[in-house]
Amino acid sequence: MSEAKPLPLQGIRVIELGTLIAGPFCARLLAEFGAEVIKIEPPGLGDPLRKWRKLHQGTSLWWYAQARNKKSVTLDLKQPEAQEIVRKLAERADIVVE
């Protein structure tokens, strides 16, 4: 059995601040090629994509597709402390998707 090849974007860190379709889709593609994607979501309901259109057990089928291979962090970006956390994450990131 041969060793698995590393994915082309392995070692790349992405911070995703987007919602609904465009940003999450872009970051999902990066994650599929091995990038570490950290998705920032607002407290409460999270990304509106979680409840968009067809639901399965209360969660959107779109969410299941667009959120795979990502890590999620909940931050209220209206708060200065949360803004500082995002700045620190962005300093260590290779890509920021908005």
C-alpha atoms as a PDB file:
ATOM      1  CA  MET A   1       0.000   0.000   0.000  1.00  0.00           C
ATOM      2  CA  SER A   2       1.416   3.399  -0.944  1.00  0.00           C
ATOM      3  CA  GLU A   3       1.652   6.388   1.374  1.00  0.00           C
ATOM      4  CA  ALA A   4      -0.978   9.079   1.041  1.00  0.00           C
ATOM      5  CA  LYS A   5       0.347  12.178  -0.672  1.00  0.00           C
ATOM      6  CA  PRO A   6      -0.004  15.443   1.222  1.00  0.00           C
ATOM      7  CA  LEU A   7      -2.755  17.671  -0.095  1.00  0.00           C
ATOM      8  CA  PRO A   8      -1.544  20.694  -2.108  1.00  0.00           C
ATOM      9  CA  LEU A   9      -2.718  23.330   0.412  1.00  0.00           C
ATOM     10  CA  GLN A  10      -1.630  21.475   3.537  1.00  0.00           C
ATOM     11  CA  GLY A  11       0.018  23.943   5.936  1.00  0.00           C
ATOM     12  CA  ILE A  12      -2.039  26.916   4.686  1.00  0.00           C
ATOM     13  CA  ARG A  13      -4.288  28.580   7.281  1.00  0.00           C
ATOM     14  CA  VAL A  14      -7.478  30.355   6.206  1.00  0.00           C
ATOM     15  CA  ILE A  15      -9.736  32.586   8.288  1.00  0.00           C
ATOM     16  CA  GLU A  16     -13.271  32.659   6.913  1.00  0.00           C
ATOM     17  CA  LEU A  17     -15.521  35.596   7.780  1.00  0.00           C
ATOM     18  CA  GLY A  18     -17.990  35.106   4.919  1.00  0.00           C
ATOM     19  CA  THR A  19     -21.621  34.056   5.189  1.00  0.00           C
ATOM     20  CA  LEU A  20     -24.151  32.254   3.017  1.00  0.00           C
ATOM     21  CA  ILE A  21     -22.686  31.130  -0.307  1.00  0.00           C
ATOM     22  CA  ALA A  22     -19.649  32.877  -1.840  1.00  0.00           C
ATOM     23  CA  GLY A  23     -17.245  33.050   1.114  1.00  0.00           C
ATOM     24  CA  PRO A  24     -18.103  29.626   2.547  1.00  0.00           C
ATOM     25  CA  PHE A  25     -17.871  28.042  -0.924  1.00  0.00           C
ATOM     26  CA  CYS A  26     -14.448  29.563  -1.541  1.00  0.00           C
ATOM     27  CA  ALA A  27     -13.147  28.457   1.857  1.00  0.00           C
ATOM     28  CA  ARG A  28     -14.626  24.977   1.372  1.00  0.00           C
ATOM     29  CA  LEU A  29     -12.622  24.538  -1.816  1.00  0.00           C
ATOM     30  CA  LEU A  30      -9.456  25.571   0.020  1.00  0.00           C
ATOM     31  CA  ALA A  31     -10.281  23.102   2.830  1.00  0.00           C
ATOM     32  CA  GLU A  32     -10.846  20.281   0.346  1.00  0.00           C
ATOM     33  CA  PHE A  33      -7.301  20.810  -0.910  1.00  0.00           C
ATOM     34  CA  GLY A  34      -5.904  20.584   2.608  1.00  0.00           C
ATOM     35  CA  ALA A  35      -5.975  24.121   4.008  1.00  0.00           C
ATOM     36  CA  GLU A  36      -6.876  24.574   7.656  1.00  0.00           C
ATOM     37  CA  VAL A  37     -10.027  26.722   7.596  1.00  0.00           C
ATOM     38  CA  ILE A  38     -11.226  28.520  10.719  1.00  0.00           C
ATOM     39  CA  LYS A  39     -14.751  29.849  10.226  1.00  0.00           C
ATOM     40  CA  ILE A  40     -15.845  32.781  12.398  1.00  0.00           C
ATOM     41  CA  GLU A  41     -19.566  32.772  13.204  1.00  0.00           C
ATOM     42  CA  PRO A  42     -21.750  35.143  15.229  1.00  0.00           C
ATOM     43  CA  PRO A  43     -23.246  33.895  18.501  1.00  0.00           C
ATOM     44  CA  GLY A  44     -26.806  32.619  18.511  1.00  0.00           C
ATOM     45  CA  LEU A  45     -27.741  31.163  15.152  1.00  0.00           C
ATOM     46  CA  GLY A  46     -24.284  31.224  13.562  1.00  0.00           C
ATOM     47  CA  ASP A  47     -23.918  31.600   9.817  1.00  0.00           C
ATOM     48  CA  PRO A  48     -27.365  32.152   8.219  1.00  0.00           C
ATOM     49  CA  LEU A  49     -26.463  29.272   5.886  1.00  0.00           C
ATOM     50  CA  ARG A  50     -27.173  26.885   8.795  1.00  0.00           C
ATOM     51  CA  LYS A  51     -30.931  27.507   8.321  1.00  0.00           C
ATOM     52  CA  TRP A  52     -31.063  28.317   4.594  1.00  0.00           C
ATOM     53  CA  ARG A  53     -33.461  26.393   2.361  1.00  0.00           C
ATOM     54  CA  LYS A  54     -33.906  22.615   2.698  1.00  0.00           C
ATOM     55  CA  LEU A  55     -33.283  21.391   6.265  1.00  0.00           C
ATOM     56  CA  HIS A  56     -32.296  17.966   7.592  1.00  0.00           C
ATOM     57  CA  GLN A  57     -32.815  17.540  11.341  1.00  0.00           C
ATOM     58  CA  GLY A  58     -32.945  21.326  11.733  1.00  0.00           C
ATOM     59  CA  THR A  59     -29.793  22.114   9.764  1.00  0.00           C
ATOM     60  CA  SER A  60     -29.514  23.206   6.138  1.00  0.00           C
ATOM     61  CA  LEU A  61     -28.229  20.721   3.604  1.00  0.00           C
ATOM     62  CA  TRP A  62     -26.192  23.620   2.221  1.00  0.00           C
ATOM     63  CA  TRP A  63     -24.473  23.929   5.612  1.00  0.00           C
ATOM     64  CA  TYR A  64     -23.452  20.273   5.596  1.00  0.00           C
ATOM     65  CA  ALA A  65     -21.811  20.775   2.197  1.00  0.00           C
ATOM     66  CA  GLN A  66     -20.167  24.172   2.754  1.00  0.00           C
ATOM     67  CA  ALA A  67     -18.938  23.605   6.331  1.00  0.00           C
ATOM     68  CA  ARG A  68     -17.135  20.316   5.849  1.00  0.00           C
ATOM     69  CA  ASN A  69     -13.422  20.191   6.680  1.00  0.00           C
ATOM     70  CA  LYS A  70     -13.663  23.464   8.649  1.00  0.00           C
ATOM     71  CA  LYS A  71     -13.274  24.469  12.277  1.00  0.00           C
ATOM     72  CA  SER A  72     -15.838  26.907  13.697  1.00  0.00           C
ATOM     73  CA  VAL A  73     -15.328  29.644  16.268  1.00  0.00           C
ATOM     74  CA  THR A  74     -18.138  31.788  17.675  1.00  0.00           C
ATOM     75  CA  LEU A  75     -17.257  35.464  18.114  1.00  0.00           C
ATOM     76  CA  ASP A  76     -19.395  38.587  18.467  1.00  0.00           C
ATOM     77  CA  LEU A  77     -17.505  40.915  16.149  1.00  0.00           C
ATOM     78  CA  LYS A  78     -19.300  43.915  17.660  1.00  0.00           C
ATOM     79  CA  GLN A  79     -17.185  43.400  20.777  1.00  0.00           C
ATOM     80  CA  PRO A  80     -13.619  44.803  20.917  1.00  0.00           C
ATOM     81  CA  GLU A  81     -12.294  41.581  22.490  1.00  0.00           C
ATOM     82  CA  ALA A  82     -13.647  39.491  19.630  1.00  0.00           C
ATOM     83  CA  GLN A  83     -12.211  41.926  17.069  1.00  0.00           C
ATOM     84  CA  GLU A  84      -8.801  41.549  18.717  1.00  0.00           C
ATOM     85  CA  ILE A  85      -9.054  37.748  18.545  1.00  0.00           C
ATOM     86  CA  VAL A  86      -9.809  37.932  14.813  1.00  0.00           C
ATOM     87  CA  ARG A  87      -6.866  40.290  14.280  1.00  0.00           C
ATOM     88  CA  LYS A  88      -4.566  37.818  16.044  1.00  0.00           C
ATOM     89  CA  LEU A  89      -5.939  34.913  14.001  1.00  0.00           C
ATOM     90  CA  ALA A  90      -5.486  36.925  10.791  1.00  0.00           C
ATOM     91  CA  GLU A  91      -1.868  37.716  11.696  1.00  0.00           C
ATOM     92  CA  ARG A  92      -1.139  33.974  11.697  1.00  0.00           C
ATOM     93  CA  ALA A  93      -3.238  33.224   8.604  1.00  0.00           C
ATOM     94  CA  ASP A  94      -2.148  32.982   4.995  1.00  0.00           C
ATOM     95  CA  ILE A  95      -5.602  33.872   3.629  1.00  0.00           C
ATOM     96  CA  VAL A  96      -8.616  35.791   4.922  1.00  0.00           C
ATOM     97  CA  VAL A  97     -11.927  35.156   3.132  1.00  0.00           C
ATOM     98  CA  GLU A  98     -14.639  37.757   3.658  1.00  0.00           C
END
